[in-house]
C-alpha atoms as a PDB file:
ATOM      1  CA  MET A   1       4.357 -36.881 -11.002  1.00  0.00           C
ATOM      2  CA  THR A   2       5.720 -33.762 -13.000  1.00  0.00           C
ATOM      3  CA  GLU A   3       8.782 -33.088 -14.628  1.00  0.00           C
ATOM      4  CA  PHE A   4      10.727 -29.878 -13.653  1.00  0.00           C
ATOM      5  CA  THR A   5      11.168 -27.816 -16.871  1.00  0.00           C
ATOM      6  CA  PRO A   6      13.345 -24.897 -16.273  1.00  0.00           C
ATOM      7  CA  LEU A   7      13.340 -23.315 -19.382  1.00  0.00           C
ATOM      8  CA  SER A   8       9.662 -22.910 -19.615  1.00  0.00           C
ATOM      9  CA  ALA A   9       9.819 -21.814 -15.976  1.00  0.00           C
ATOM     10  CA  VAL A  10      12.526 -19.059 -16.567  1.00  0.00           C
ATOM     11  CA  ALA A  11      10.636 -17.889 -19.916  1.00  0.00           C
ATOM     12  CA  GLY A  12       7.017 -17.701 -17.972  1.00  0.00           C
ATOM     13  CA  GLY A  13       8.922 -15.836 -15.174  1.00  0.00           C
ATOM     14  CA  LEU A  14      10.346 -13.241 -17.561  1.00  0.00           C
ATOM     15  CA  LEU A  15       7.111 -12.900 -19.335  1.00  0.00           C
ATOM     16  CA  ILE A  16       5.384 -12.229 -16.109  1.00  0.00           C
ATOM     17  CA  GLY A  17       7.898  -9.689 -15.042  1.00  0.00           C
ATOM     18  CA  LEU A  18       7.933  -7.789 -18.466  1.00  0.00           C
ATOM     19  CA  ALA A  19       4.091  -7.735 -18.147  1.00  0.00           C
ATOM     20  CA  ALA A  20       3.974  -6.526 -14.796  1.00  0.00           C
ATOM     21  CA  THR A  21       6.551  -3.950 -15.425  1.00  0.00           C
ATOM     22  CA  ALA A  22       4.970  -2.709 -18.738  1.00  0.00           C
ATOM     23  CA  LEU A  23       1.526  -2.312 -16.944  1.00  0.00           C
ATOM     24  CA  LEU A  24       3.310  -0.215 -14.038  1.00  0.00           C
ATOM     25  CA  LEU A  25       5.156   1.994 -16.533  1.00  0.00           C
ATOM     26  CA  PHE A  26       2.422   2.505 -19.117  1.00  0.00           C
ATOM     27  CA  ASN A  27      -0.673   2.599 -16.781  1.00  0.00           C
ATOM     28  CA  GLY A  28       0.743   3.123 -13.231  1.00  0.00           C
ATOM     29  CA  ARG A  29      -1.148   0.186 -12.053  1.00  0.00           C
ATOM     30  CA  ILE A  30       0.072  -2.968 -10.160  1.00  0.00           C
ATOM     31  CA  ALA A  31      -0.455  -6.576 -12.028  1.00  0.00           C
ATOM     32  CA  GLY A  32      -2.297  -7.848  -9.136  1.00  0.00           C
ATOM     33  CA  ILE A  33      -4.804 -10.337 -10.822  1.00  0.00           C
ATOM     34  CA  SER A  34      -7.148 -10.518  -7.974  1.00  0.00           C
ATOM     35  CA  GLY A  35      -7.583  -6.706  -8.066  1.00  0.00           C
ATOM     36  CA  LEU A  36      -7.781  -6.492 -11.673  1.00  0.00           C
ATOM     37  CA  PHE A  37     -10.569  -9.085 -11.678  1.00  0.00           C
ATOM     38  CA  HIS A  38     -12.520  -7.425  -8.644  1.00  0.00           C
ATOM     39  CA  GLY A  39     -12.175  -3.960 -10.479  1.00  0.00           C
ATOM     40  CA  LEU A  40     -13.527  -5.727 -13.663  1.00  0.00           C
ATOM     41  CA  LEU A  41     -16.423  -6.883 -11.775  1.00  0.00           C
ATOM     42  CA  HIS A  42     -17.262  -4.138  -9.378  1.00  0.00           C
ATOM     43  CA  ARG A  43     -16.075  -0.772 -10.885  1.00  0.00           C
ATOM     44  CA  ASP A  44     -15.882   1.011 -14.094  1.00  0.00           C
ATOM     45  CA  ARG A  45     -14.298  -1.415 -16.598  1.00  0.00           C
ATOM     46  CA  GLN A  46     -11.265  -0.300 -18.405  1.00  0.00           C
ATOM     47  CA  PRO A  47     -10.382  -1.478 -21.777  1.00  0.00           C
ATOM     48  CA  TRP A  48      -6.902  -2.239 -20.480  1.00  0.00           C
ATOM     49  CA  GLN A  49      -8.145  -4.450 -17.512  1.00  0.00           C
ATOM     50  CA  ILE A  50      -9.921  -6.593 -20.077  1.00  0.00           C
ATOM     51  CA  LEU A  51      -6.987  -7.049 -22.290  1.00  0.00           C
ATOM     52  CA  PHE A  52      -4.629  -7.844 -19.535  1.00  0.00           C
ATOM     53  CA  LEU A  53      -6.871 -10.620 -18.147  1.00  0.00           C
ATOM     54  CA  ALA A  54      -7.788 -11.772 -21.533  1.00  0.00           C
ATOM     55  CA  GLY A  55      -3.970 -11.968 -22.484  1.00  0.00           C
ATOM     56  CA  LEU A  56      -3.451 -14.361 -19.475  1.00  0.00           C
ATOM     57  CA  VAL A  57      -5.970 -16.786 -20.928  1.00  0.00           C
ATOM     58  CA  VAL A  58      -4.943 -16.235 -24.751  1.00  0.00           C
ATOM     59  CA  GLY A  59      -1.298 -16.756 -23.476  1.00  0.00           C
ATOM     60  CA  ALA A  60      -1.876 -19.955 -21.518  1.00  0.00           C
ATOM     61  CA  GLY A  61      -4.054 -21.275 -24.560  1.00  0.00           C
ATOM     62  CA  SER A  62      -1.255 -20.421 -27.008  1.00  0.00           C
ATOM     63  CA  PHE A  63       1.438 -21.822 -25.183  1.00  0.00           C
ATOM     64  CA  HIS A  64      -0.661 -25.111 -25.051  1.00  0.00           C
ATOM     65  CA  HIS A  65      -1.566 -25.220 -28.460  1.00  0.00           C
ATOM     66  CA  LEU A  66       1.989 -24.263 -29.930  1.00  0.00           C
ATOM     67  CA  PHE A  67       4.143 -26.588 -27.464  1.00  0.00           C
ATOM     68  CA  GLY A  68       1.302 -29.324 -26.562  1.00  0.00           C
ATOM     69  CA  SER A  69       2.122 -29.254 -23.070  1.00  0.00           C
ATOM     70  CA  ASP A  70      -0.368 -31.649 -21.222  1.00  0.00           C
ATOM     71  CA  ILE A  71      -1.787 -30.294 -17.962  1.00  0.00           C
ATOM     72  CA  PRO A  72      -3.072 -33.251 -15.872  1.00  0.00           C
ATOM     73  CA  GLN A  73      -6.842 -32.995 -15.021  1.00  0.00           C
ATOM     74  CA  ARG A  74      -7.980 -33.730 -11.452  1.00  0.00           C
ATOM     75  CA  ALA A  75     -11.735 -35.313 -11.780  1.00  0.00           C
ATOM     76  CA  ASP A  76     -11.478 -37.151  -8.436  1.00  0.00           C
ATOM     77  CA  PHE A  77     -10.685 -34.126  -6.063  1.00  0.00           C
ATOM     78  CA  PRO A  78     -13.419 -33.577  -3.356  1.00  0.00           C
ATOM     79  CA  LEU A  79     -16.039 -30.689  -4.631  1.00  0.00           C
ATOM     80  CA  VAL A  80     -16.479 -29.640  -1.104  1.00  0.00           C
ATOM     81  CA  ALA A  81     -12.704 -29.144  -0.835  1.00  0.00           C
ATOM     82  CA  LEU A  82     -12.324 -27.337  -4.063  1.00  0.00           C
ATOM     83  CA  LEU A  83     -14.938 -24.889  -3.000  1.00  0.00           C
ATOM     84  CA  GLY A  84     -13.519 -24.451   0.218  1.00  0.00           C
ATOM     85  CA  ALA A  85     -10.119 -23.778  -1.060  1.00  0.00           C
ATOM     86  CA  GLY A  86     -11.526 -21.353  -3.694  1.00  0.00           C
ATOM     87  CA  PHE A  87     -13.561 -19.471  -0.841  1.00  0.00           C
ATOM     88  CA  LEU A  88     -10.163 -19.111   1.396  1.00  0.00           C
ATOM     89  CA  VAL A  89      -8.365 -17.946  -1.311  1.00  0.00           C
ATOM     90  CA  GLY A  90     -10.807 -15.367  -1.974  1.00  0.00           C
ATOM     91  CA  LEU A  91     -10.901 -14.520   1.825  1.00  0.00           C
ATOM     92  CA  GLY A  92      -7.178 -14.263   1.953  1.00  0.00           C
ATOM     93  CA  THR A  93      -7.028 -11.928  -0.848  1.00  0.00           C
ATOM     94  CA  ARG A  94      -9.285  -9.651   0.840  1.00  0.00           C
ATOM     95  CA  LEU A  95      -7.698 -10.016   4.318  1.00  0.00           C
ATOM     96  CA  GLY A  96      -4.239  -9.415   2.764  1.00  0.00           C
ATOM     97  CA  SER A  97      -5.156  -6.590   0.384  1.00  0.00           C
ATOM     98  CA  GLY A  98      -3.961  -8.540  -2.499  1.00  0.00           C
ATOM     99  CA  CYS A  99      -2.901 -11.953  -4.012  1.00  0.00           C
ATOM    100  CA  THR A 100       0.359 -13.727  -4.839  1.00  0.00           C
ATOM    101  CA  SER A 101       0.842 -11.785  -8.072  1.00  0.00           C
ATOM    102  CA  GLY A 102       0.340  -8.465  -6.449  1.00  0.00           C
ATOM    103  CA  HIS A 103       2.480  -8.751  -3.463  1.00  0.00           C
ATOM    104  CA  GLY A 104       4.773 -11.552  -4.699  1.00  0.00           C
ATOM    105  CA  VAL A 105       5.632 -10.328  -8.086  1.00  0.00           C
ATOM    106  CA  CYS A 106       5.036  -6.557  -7.991  1.00  0.00           C
ATOM    107  CA  GLY A 107       5.233  -5.766  -4.319  1.00  0.00           C
ATOM    108  CA  ILE A 108       8.440  -7.477  -3.724  1.00  0.00           C
ATOM    109  CA  GLY A 109       9.878  -6.096  -7.176  1.00  0.00           C
ATOM    110  CA  ARG A 110       9.125  -2.572  -5.424  1.00  0.00           C
ATOM    111  CA  ARG A 111      10.727  -3.575  -2.130  1.00  0.00           C
ATOM    112  CA  SER A 112       7.603  -3.091  -0.422  1.00  0.00           C
ATOM    113  CA  ALA A 113       7.974  -4.529   3.221  1.00  0.00           C
ATOM    114  CA  ARG A 114       4.228  -5.259   3.540  1.00  0.00           C
ATOM    115  CA  SER A 115       4.271  -7.547   0.441  1.00  0.00           C
ATOM    116  CA  VAL A 116       7.527  -9.282   1.634  1.00  0.00           C
ATOM    117  CA  VAL A 117       5.602 -10.085   4.870  1.00  0.00           C
ATOM    118  CA  ALA A 118       2.424 -11.048   2.783  1.00  0.00           C
ATOM    119  CA  THR A 119       4.324 -13.324   0.296  1.00  0.00           C
ATOM    120  CA  ALA A 120       6.070 -15.196   3.546  1.00  0.00           C
ATOM    121  CA  ILE A 121       2.522 -15.737   4.839  1.00  0.00           C
ATOM    122  CA  PHE A 122       1.147 -16.988   1.555  1.00  0.00           C
ATOM    123  CA  MET A 123       4.223 -19.653   1.300  1.00  0.00           C
ATOM    124  CA  VAL A 124       3.839 -20.513   4.818  1.00  0.00           C
ATOM    125  CA  THR A 125       0.179 -21.293   4.553  1.00  0.00           C
ATOM    126  CA  ALA A 126       0.583 -23.018   1.073  1.00  0.00           C
ATOM    127  CA  VAL A 127       3.126 -25.412   2.746  1.00  0.00           C
ATOM    128  CA  LEU A 128       1.140 -26.055   5.651  1.00  0.00           C
ATOM    129  CA  ALA A 129      -2.272 -26.696   3.290  1.00  0.00           C
ATOM    130  CA  THR A 130      -0.369 -28.943   1.126  1.00  0.00           C
ATOM    131  CA  ALA A 131       0.934 -31.088   4.272  1.00  0.00           C
ATOM    132  CA  VAL A 132      -2.576 -31.343   5.804  1.00  0.00           C
ATOM    133  CA  SER A 133      -4.447 -31.913   2.776  1.00  0.00           C
ATOM    134  CA  ARG A 134      -2.092 -34.588   1.349  1.00  0.00           C
ATOM    135  CA  HIS A 135      -0.483 -35.946   4.463  1.00  0.00           C
ATOM    136  CA  TRP A 136      -3.109 -35.965   7.018  1.00  0.00           C
ATOM    137  CA  LEU A 137      -6.454 -35.894   4.885  1.00  0.00           C
ATOM    138  CA  GLY A 138      -5.003 -38.289   2.138  1.00  0.00           C
ATOM    139  CA  LEU A 139      -6.019 -35.939  -0.482  1.00  0.00           C
ATOM    140  CA  TYR A 140      -3.534 -36.277  -3.475  1.00  0.00           C
END
């Protein structure tokens, strides 16, 4: 069971919004993480891509170090389900031309109808996947 922490959720949301806005204002780029990561692996690497993605890792590590948040580990989750989920997420980001950060955070903020539809599909799919994996397959 997890506890709802509204202050850290609001602070995190504000920081994500600030980072996405700064990237759009200063670089003219959307902060879609799957697109940034894909570009890092398949195109000419730009220093800002490396710094932005490194900032995600450093920021999460810093929060954990400063506030001692306990992130629960899942050692008993079936490997085949984990690999299948990762594959489906990657496939979904390619089919949807972006991920939740690109569409949900940046696209909706830019009033993109395509992003509103994509985010609605992401959310419905997440609810269905959770229902199936938890209640029908018994994976907790």
